């Protein structure tokens, strides 16, 4: 049965560089780091009349009130969030970095092999690092 998992596992655990995961551990004040599939409310520095993101494949944005903006993370990557003041004379811009929840992914993958045949750990710049241990058949005497 384990043979059927090996090709699938190879594809799943392929080391995929993810630029968002390679970001510095300490985000700058101009950067907001989020996790795919989660939403967050960003407080505007002043009443805004217009909001936008530069890459709508990464995040979606919606003005809830003049002072609150909802950012919904759609996929791994980065985009810029731009807010315009009500007189459109000022703009406020922040970099949005969206990453995967690597720890949850690795835990789910490890759950596929409950006998301890696979150990995983989140790494940068990859999603998971894995170690596969093939169990040796019993020695015949």
Protein backbone atom coordinates (compact mmCIF):
# COMPACT_ATOMS: atom_id res chain seq x y z
CA UNK A 1 0.00 0.00 0.00
CA UNK A 2 2.88 2.38 0.68
CA UNK A 3 4.03 2.11 -2.94
CA UNK A 4 0.91 3.95 -4.07
CA UNK A 5 1.74 6.91 -1.84
CA UNK A 6 5.33 7.38 -3.03
CA UNK A 7 4.62 9.06 -6.43
CA UNK A 8 1.85 11.17 -4.93
CA UNK A 9 4.05 12.09 -2.01
CA UNK A 10 6.90 13.06 -4.31
CA UNK A 11 4.64 15.52 -6.09
CA UNK A 12 3.13 16.84 -2.88
CA UNK A 13 6.41 17.38 -1.09
CA UNK A 14 8.26 18.71 -4.08
CA UNK A 15 10.48 21.48 -2.84
CA UNK A 16 8.70 24.55 -4.12
CA UNK A 17 10.43 27.86 -3.58
CA UNK A 18 7.92 30.36 -2.29
CA UNK A 19 9.18 33.95 -2.38
CA UNK A 20 6.73 35.01 0.31
CA UNK A 21 8.14 32.40 2.70
CA UNK A 22 11.65 33.66 2.03
CA UNK A 23 10.76 37.09 3.37
CA UNK A 24 12.66 38.30 6.39
CA UNK A 25 11.39 37.04 9.72
CA UNK A 26 10.95 40.61 10.86
CA UNK A 27 8.55 42.50 8.62
CA UNK A 28 9.12 46.20 8.14
CA UNK A 29 6.54 48.74 9.26
CA UNK A 30 5.46 49.13 5.63
CA UNK A 31 4.70 45.42 5.23
CA UNK A 32 1.70 43.38 6.35
CA UNK A 33 2.24 39.60 6.40
CA UNK A 34 -0.87 37.42 6.12
CA UNK A 35 -1.78 33.74 5.66
CA UNK A 36 -3.64 32.42 2.58
CA UNK A 37 -7.37 32.07 3.05
CA UNK A 38 -7.72 34.43 5.97
CA UNK A 39 -9.06 37.95 6.05
CA UNK A 40 -7.97 40.92 8.08
CA UNK A 41 -9.23 44.43 8.70
CA UNK A 42 -6.72 47.22 8.18
CA UNK A 43 -7.28 50.54 9.93
CA UNK A 44 -6.84 53.48 7.59
CA UNK A 45 -4.77 56.44 8.86
CA UNK A 46 -7.54 58.85 7.75
CA UNK A 47 -10.93 58.58 6.03
CA UNK A 48 -10.49 56.97 2.62
CA UNK A 49 -12.53 57.37 -0.52
CA UNK A 50 -10.84 54.74 -2.71
CA UNK A 51 -8.88 51.50 -2.11
CA UNK A 52 -6.98 49.17 -4.44
CA UNK A 53 -4.48 46.32 -4.60
CA UNK A 54 -1.92 46.02 -7.39
CA UNK A 55 -2.31 42.24 -7.86
CA UNK A 56 -5.91 41.04 -7.44
CA UNK A 57 -4.78 37.40 -7.78
CA UNK A 58 -2.99 37.68 -4.42
CA UNK A 59 -5.51 39.69 -2.40
CA UNK A 60 -8.89 41.36 -2.66
CA UNK A 61 -9.75 44.59 -0.89
CA UNK A 62 -13.01 46.24 0.13
CA UNK A 63 -13.70 49.45 2.05
CA UNK A 64 -15.97 48.59 4.99
CA UNK A 65 -16.09 52.11 6.40
CA UNK A 66 -14.03 55.22 5.61
CA UNK A 67 -11.57 54.09 8.33
CA UNK A 68 -11.63 50.28 7.86
CA UNK A 69 -10.52 48.20 4.89
CA UNK A 70 -11.05 44.44 4.57
CA UNK A 71 -8.16 42.54 2.96
CA UNK A 72 -8.90 38.98 1.88
CA UNK A 73 -5.85 36.85 1.09
CA UNK A 74 -6.35 34.76 -2.02
CA UNK A 75 -2.99 33.21 -2.94
CA UNK A 76 0.72 33.20 -2.09
CA UNK A 77 2.59 36.24 -3.30
CA UNK A 78 2.81 39.93 -2.67
CA UNK A 79 0.85 42.98 -3.68
CA UNK A 80 0.49 46.59 -2.64
CA UNK A 81 -2.49 47.99 -0.76
CA UNK A 82 -3.18 51.62 -1.66
CA UNK A 83 -5.64 53.93 0.10
CA UNK A 84 -6.59 57.41 -1.06
CA UNK A 85 -7.75 60.18 1.27
CA UNK A 86 -11.23 61.60 0.88
CA UNK A 87 -9.82 64.66 -0.93
CA UNK A 88 -7.55 62.32 -3.02
CA UNK A 89 -4.53 64.45 -2.13
CA UNK A 90 -2.85 61.81 0.06
CA UNK A 91 -2.13 58.12 -0.49
CA UNK A 92 -1.17 55.43 2.01
CA UNK A 93 0.60 52.34 0.72
CA UNK A 94 1.60 49.08 2.41
CA UNK A 95 3.12 45.92 0.99
CA UNK A 96 0.93 42.85 1.56
CA UNK A 97 2.83 39.55 1.73
CA UNK A 98 0.66 36.44 1.66
CA UNK A 99 2.22 33.13 2.70
CA UNK A 100 1.11 29.56 3.24
CA UNK A 101 0.60 28.14 6.70
CA UNK A 102 3.52 25.73 6.30
CA UNK A 103 3.23 24.22 9.79
CA UNK A 104 -0.38 23.16 9.16
CA UNK A 105 0.48 21.70 5.74
CA UNK A 106 3.39 19.69 7.16
CA UNK A 107 1.25 18.43 10.02
CA UNK A 108 -1.46 17.29 7.58
CA UNK A 109 1.08 15.49 5.39
CA UNK A 110 2.61 13.78 8.42
CA UNK A 111 -0.88 12.59 9.41
CA UNK A 112 -1.02 10.55 6.21
CA UNK A 113 1.71 8.30 7.62
CA UNK A 114 0.81 7.72 11.28
CA UNK A 115 3.48 5.06 11.80
CA UNK A 116 6.26 7.63 11.81
CA UNK A 117 7.47 6.78 8.32
CA UNK A 118 7.56 10.45 7.42
CA UNK A 119 8.86 13.41 9.34
CA UNK A 120 8.21 16.95 8.13
CA UNK A 121 9.13 20.44 9.19
CA UNK A 122 8.40 23.87 7.73
CA UNK A 123 11.47 25.41 6.12
CA UNK A 124 12.32 28.55 4.24
CA UNK A 125 12.13 29.02 1.25
CA UNK A 126 10.26 25.72 0.86
CA UNK A 127 6.90 24.58 2.09
CA UNK A 128 8.09 21.37 3.76
CA UNK A 129 11.23 19.40 4.26
CA UNK A 130 10.61 15.71 4.53
CA UNK A 131 12.51 12.61 5.48
CA UNK A 132 11.26 9.27 4.22
CA UNK A 133 12.42 6.16 6.05
CA UNK A 134 11.80 2.92 4.29
CA UNK A 135 11.15 0.12 6.70
CA UNK A 136 13.32 -2.91 6.16
CA UNK A 137 11.61 -6.26 5.84
CA UNK A 138 12.39 -8.72 8.64
CA UNK A 139 15.55 -10.71 8.11
CA UNK A 140 14.91 -14.35 7.24
CA UNK A 141 17.09 -16.89 9.04
